[in-house]
Every structure is written in C-alpha cells, then in structure tokens.
C-alpha atoms as a PDB file:
ATOM      1  CA  MET A   1      12.775   7.902  -7.400  1.00  0.00           C
ATOM      2  CA  GLU A   2       9.521   9.172  -5.950  1.00  0.00           C
ATOM      3  CA  ALA A   3       7.660   7.177  -3.356  1.00  0.00           C
ATOM      4  CA  TYR A   4       4.343   7.573  -1.611  1.00  0.00           C
ATOM      5  CA  ALA A   5       3.553   6.236   1.868  1.00  0.00           C
ATOM      6  CA  VAL A   6       0.071   5.372   3.033  1.00  0.00           C
ATOM      7  CA  VAL A   7      -0.398   4.928   6.780  1.00  0.00           C
ATOM      8  CA  PHE A   8      -3.354   2.858   8.002  1.00  0.00           C
ATOM      9  CA  PHE A   9      -4.941   3.482  11.385  1.00  0.00           C
ATOM     10  CA  VAL A  10      -7.116   1.271  13.583  1.00  0.00           C
ATOM     11  CA  GLY A  11      -8.669   2.900  16.628  1.00  0.00           C
ATOM     12  CA  LEU A  12      -6.576   6.031  15.963  1.00  0.00           C
ATOM     13  CA  GLN A  13      -3.385   3.974  16.231  1.00  0.00           C
ATOM     14  CA  PRO A  14      -1.094   3.613  13.189  1.00  0.00           C
ATOM     15  CA  THR A  15      -0.898  -0.098  12.355  1.00  0.00           C
ATOM     16  CA  MET A  16       0.551  -0.446   8.857  1.00  0.00           C
ATOM     17  CA  VAL A  17       2.556   1.547   6.316  1.00  0.00           C
ATOM     18  CA  LEU A  18       2.528   0.752   2.603  1.00  0.00           C
ATOM     19  CA  ILE A  19       5.107   2.489   0.431  1.00  0.00           C
ATOM     20  CA  PHE A  20       4.466   2.659  -3.299  1.00  0.00           C
ATOM     21  CA  HIS A  21       7.226   3.680  -5.689  1.00  0.00           C
ATOM     22  CA  ARG A  22       6.022   5.853  -8.543  1.00  0.00           C
ATOM     23  CA  GLU A  23       7.593   3.707 -11.254  1.00  0.00           C
ATOM     24  CA  GLY A  24       5.593   0.704 -10.003  1.00  0.00           C
ATOM     25  CA  CYS A  25       2.177   2.373  -9.682  1.00  0.00           C
ATOM     26  CA  ALA A  26       0.816   1.056 -12.999  1.00  0.00           C
ATOM     27  CA  ALA A  27       1.847  -2.532 -12.226  1.00  0.00           C
ATOM     28  CA  VAL A  28       0.290  -2.363  -8.756  1.00  0.00           C
ATOM     29  CA  ALA A  29      -2.909  -0.854 -10.190  1.00  0.00           C
ATOM     30  CA  ALA A  30      -3.094  -3.669 -12.764  1.00  0.00           C
ATOM     31  CA  ALA A  31      -2.555  -6.323 -10.081  1.00  0.00           C
ATOM     32  CA  LEU A  32      -5.414  -4.792  -8.088  1.00  0.00           C
ATOM     33  CA  GLY A  33      -7.671  -4.690 -11.156  1.00  0.00           C
ATOM     34  CA  LYS A  34      -7.970  -0.902 -11.052  1.00  0.00           C
ATOM     35  CA  ARG A  35      -9.789   0.964 -13.815  1.00  0.00           C
ATOM     36  CA  HIS A  36      -9.316   4.606 -12.799  1.00  0.00           C
ATOM     37  CA  PRO A  37      -7.361   6.994 -15.063  1.00  0.00           C
ATOM     38  CA  ALA A  38      -3.729   8.079 -14.603  1.00  0.00           C
ATOM     39  CA  GLN A  39      -2.585   4.805 -13.064  1.00  0.00           C
ATOM     40  CA  GLU A  40       1.042   5.674 -13.792  1.00  0.00           C
ATOM     41  CA  THR A  41       0.898   8.457 -11.200  1.00  0.00           C
ATOM     42  CA  THR A  42      -2.085   7.755  -8.910  1.00  0.00           C
ATOM     43  CA  LEU A  43      -3.414   4.821  -6.982  1.00  0.00           C
ATOM     44  CA  GLN A  44      -6.907   4.866  -5.482  1.00  0.00           C
ATOM     45  CA  LEU A  45      -6.971   2.345  -2.644  1.00  0.00           C
ATOM     46  CA  THR A  46      -9.968   0.784  -0.944  1.00  0.00           C
ATOM     47  CA  GLN A  47     -10.257  -1.388   2.155  1.00  0.00           C
ATOM     48  CA  ARG A  48     -10.532  -4.394  -0.167  1.00  0.00           C
ATOM     49  CA  ASN A  49      -7.282  -3.387  -1.944  1.00  0.00           C
ATOM     50  CA  TYR A  50      -5.511  -3.016   1.403  1.00  0.00           C
ATOM     51  CA  GLU A  51      -6.649  -6.490   2.447  1.00  0.00           C
ATOM     52  CA  GLN A  52      -5.614  -7.971  -0.922  1.00  0.00           C
ATOM     53  CA  ILE A  53      -2.125  -6.460  -0.626  1.00  0.00           C
ATOM     54  CA  LEU A  54      -1.725  -7.978   2.838  1.00  0.00           C
ATOM     55  CA  ARG A  55      -3.049 -11.396   1.712  1.00  0.00           C
ATOM     56  CA  GLN A  56      -0.762 -11.405  -1.339  1.00  0.00           C
ATOM     57  CA  ARG A  57       2.251  -9.805   0.299  1.00  0.00           C
ATOM     58  CA  ASP A  58       4.813 -11.661  -1.843  1.00  0.00           C
ATOM     59  CA  ARG A  59       3.089 -10.638  -5.076  1.00  0.00           C
ATOM     60  CA  PHE A  60       2.993  -6.963  -4.150  1.00  0.00           C
ATOM     61  CA  THR A  61       6.489  -6.771  -2.674  1.00  0.00           C
ATOM     62  CA  ALA A  62       7.712  -8.218  -5.994  1.00  0.00           C
ATOM     63  CA  LEU A  63       5.991  -5.221  -7.638  1.00  0.00           C
ATOM     64  CA  GLY A  64       7.965  -2.866  -5.395  1.00  0.00           C
ATOM     65  CA  VAL A  65       5.501  -2.248  -2.555  1.00  0.00           C
ATOM     66  CA  ASP A  66       7.198  -1.966   0.840  1.00  0.00           C
ATOM     67  CA  ILE A  67       4.984  -3.229   3.670  1.00  0.00           C
ATOM     68  CA  PHE A  68       5.671  -2.352   7.301  1.00  0.00           C
ATOM     69  CA  LYS A  69       3.575  -3.535  10.229  1.00  0.00           C
ATOM     70  CA  LEU A  70       3.777  -1.119  13.139  1.00  0.00           C
ATOM     71  CA  GLU A  71       3.851  -2.437  16.681  1.00  0.00           C
ATOM     72  CA  LEU A  72       2.115  -0.345  19.295  1.00  0.00           C
ATOM     73  CA  GLN A  73       4.441   0.680  22.089  1.00  0.00           C
ATOM     74  CA  LEU A  74       2.789   2.310  25.063  1.00  0.00           C
ATOM     75  CA  ALA A  75       4.731   5.024  26.842  1.00  0.00           C
ATOM     76  CA  GLY A  76       5.106   4.457  30.495  1.00  0.00           C
END
C-alpha cells in the first residue's frame, strides 16, 4: 500500500496532515469533483478542496483519507 501525506502550514506552523492512500485516489478525486488526468495516481488539491475535506470529514475518512490535526507545542 502506497500513501501520500500532505502537510498544511499556517504562519509557518504545521497545522494539519492529510494522508491519501493510492488505491483511494480516484474515489477522493471524484468526491472533490476533480477533472484532471491520472486521478488514479495523482490528486491536485486546492484551498477549496482542503476546506471541503475538513467540512465533510466523515465522507472523506470513509474514502480512506486519514486526517490529523496538529497541536502547536511551544518549547520552553
């Protein structure tokens, strides 16, 4: 099983990690309404897609997307 992780940053701080499993890429692309080629192996994400995945967390986790919110911990 191949998986791809996308880390999202706000203010140079990592805030969220989305993990997409290769075998689920086409289903995720379809759920996002994507039209780009090679959807079985690539996923072109936009800010709008990111927000949709977070709003519809249950839908996308059912498609195999792992969603992790990162909590900032200051050293000190």
